Protein backbone atom coordinates (compact mmCIF):
# COMPACT_ATOMS: atom_id res chain seq x y z
CA MET A 1 -11.79 28.75 -4.36
CA GLY A 2 -13.67 27.15 -1.44
CA PRO A 3 -12.33 26.08 1.91
CA ALA A 4 -9.94 23.14 2.07
CA PRO A 5 -11.56 19.78 2.82
CA PRO A 6 -11.11 18.53 6.39
CA LEU A 7 -8.04 16.43 7.15
CA MET A 8 -8.45 12.78 8.13
CA THR A 9 -6.45 10.28 10.14
CA ALA A 10 -5.07 6.98 8.80
CA HIS A 11 -7.74 5.20 10.88
CA GLU A 12 -10.49 7.25 9.18
CA TYR A 13 -8.93 6.56 5.77
CA PHE A 14 -9.22 2.79 6.29
CA ARG A 15 -12.87 3.17 7.29
CA THR A 16 -13.78 4.82 3.97
CA PRO A 17 -15.44 2.56 1.37
CA GLU A 18 -13.17 1.03 -1.28
CA LYS A 19 -13.29 2.89 -4.58
CA VAL A 20 -12.33 2.17 -8.16
CA THR A 21 -10.30 5.39 -8.23
CA PRO A 22 -6.97 4.85 -6.47
CA MET A 23 -6.65 7.13 -3.44
CA GLU A 24 -3.82 8.07 -1.08
CA LEU A 25 -3.64 9.99 2.16
CA ALA A 26 -0.94 12.67 2.24
CA PHE A 27 -0.55 14.31 5.65
CA GLY A 28 -4.28 13.96 6.27
CA ALA A 29 -5.41 15.13 2.82
CA LEU A 30 -7.20 12.55 0.67
CA ARG A 31 -6.02 12.68 -2.94
CA VAL A 32 -6.34 10.72 -6.18
CA ALA A 33 -3.19 8.67 -6.82
CA ASP A 34 -1.55 9.22 -10.20
CA SER A 35 -1.93 6.43 -12.73
CA PRO A 36 1.44 4.93 -13.72
CA SER A 37 2.54 4.70 -17.34
CA ALA A 38 2.67 1.39 -19.23
CA TYR A 39 6.49 1.56 -19.21
CA HIS A 40 6.50 2.08 -15.43
CA GLN A 41 4.19 -0.91 -14.96
CA SER A 42 6.44 -3.14 -17.11
CA ILE A 43 9.42 -2.23 -14.88
CA VAL A 44 7.36 -2.89 -11.73
CA ILE A 45 6.37 -6.36 -13.02
CA GLU A 46 9.94 -7.35 -13.87
CA LEU A 47 11.22 -6.11 -10.52
CA PHE A 48 8.39 -7.91 -8.73
CA ARG A 49 9.17 -11.20 -10.51
CA ALA A 50 12.86 -11.06 -9.55
CA LEU A 51 12.18 -10.07 -5.94
CA ASP A 52 9.35 -12.58 -5.53
CA ARG A 53 11.57 -15.43 -6.70
CA HIS A 54 14.32 -14.36 -4.26
CA VAL A 55 11.88 -13.99 -1.33
CA ARG A 56 10.13 -17.33 -2.00
CA ASP A 57 13.37 -19.29 -2.49
CA ARG A 58 14.62 -18.08 0.90
CA GLN A 59 11.22 -18.11 2.66
CA LEU A 60 11.78 -14.52 3.78
CA GLY A 61 8.16 -13.41 3.70
CA ARG A 62 5.83 -12.41 0.91
CA MET A 63 5.84 -10.02 -2.04
CA TRP A 64 2.70 -8.12 -2.99
CA ILE A 65 1.83 -6.26 -6.18
CA ALA A 66 -0.19 -3.07 -6.60
CA PRO A 67 -2.49 -1.69 -5.56
CA LEU A 68 -1.73 -2.09 -1.87
CA ASP A 69 -2.26 0.53 0.82
CA VAL A 70 0.94 1.00 2.82
CA VAL A 71 0.95 3.04 6.03
CA LEU A 72 4.09 5.17 5.88
CA SER A 73 3.24 7.09 9.05
CA GLU A 74 0.11 6.62 11.12
CA SER A 75 0.88 9.65 13.29
CA ARG A 76 1.38 11.89 10.22
CA ALA A 77 -1.58 10.38 8.32
CA ARG A 78 0.51 9.09 5.39
CA VAL A 79 -0.95 6.17 3.43
CA SER A 80 0.39 5.47 -0.04
CA LEU A 81 -0.46 3.00 -2.79
CA ALA A 82 2.59 0.79 -3.23
CA ARG A 83 3.43 -0.58 -6.67
CA SER A 84 4.93 -3.60 -4.92
CA ALA A 85 5.75 -4.40 -1.32
CA PHE A 86 7.69 -6.92 0.74
CA ILE A 87 6.30 -8.11 4.07
CA THR A 88 8.66 -10.15 6.25
CA ARG A 89 7.36 -13.30 7.90
CA ARG A 90 7.86 -11.66 11.29
CA ARG A 91 5.84 -8.56 10.31
CA ALA A 92 3.04 -10.72 8.87
CA CYS A 93 2.78 -12.48 12.23
CA SER A 94 2.55 -9.16 14.10
CA ALA A 95 -0.23 -7.75 11.90
CA ARG A 96 -3.71 -7.23 13.24
CA PRO A 97 -5.95 -10.33 12.84
CA ALA A 98 -7.89 -8.95 9.85
CA GLU A 99 -4.63 -8.00 8.09
CA ARG A 100 -2.88 -11.23 9.05
CA ALA A 101 -5.37 -13.28 7.00
CA SER A 102 -4.62 -11.26 3.87
CA LEU A 103 -0.84 -11.64 4.32
CA ARG A 104 -0.85 -15.42 3.98
């Protein structure tokens, strides 16, 4: 077995080119994200529909569906692919300019 690949930061992860293969960053190690099962995806869709309706009716923010990179910890280099995510209106306003455009 060869040497372990070098670790990367969350900032370096976001500078890598987008790929067809879903990737995640786990404590600095780049890895291929597991593909969910069809059953799992059907649950995610139903949950997303219910949450999206609730969020829109109350104007709480915005729901997003996979794949979406979510920074769990910038200092620990943890970036995961969320199946769905909720972004509050306040958080969308505090995002960096390039991210802010994609949150609307």
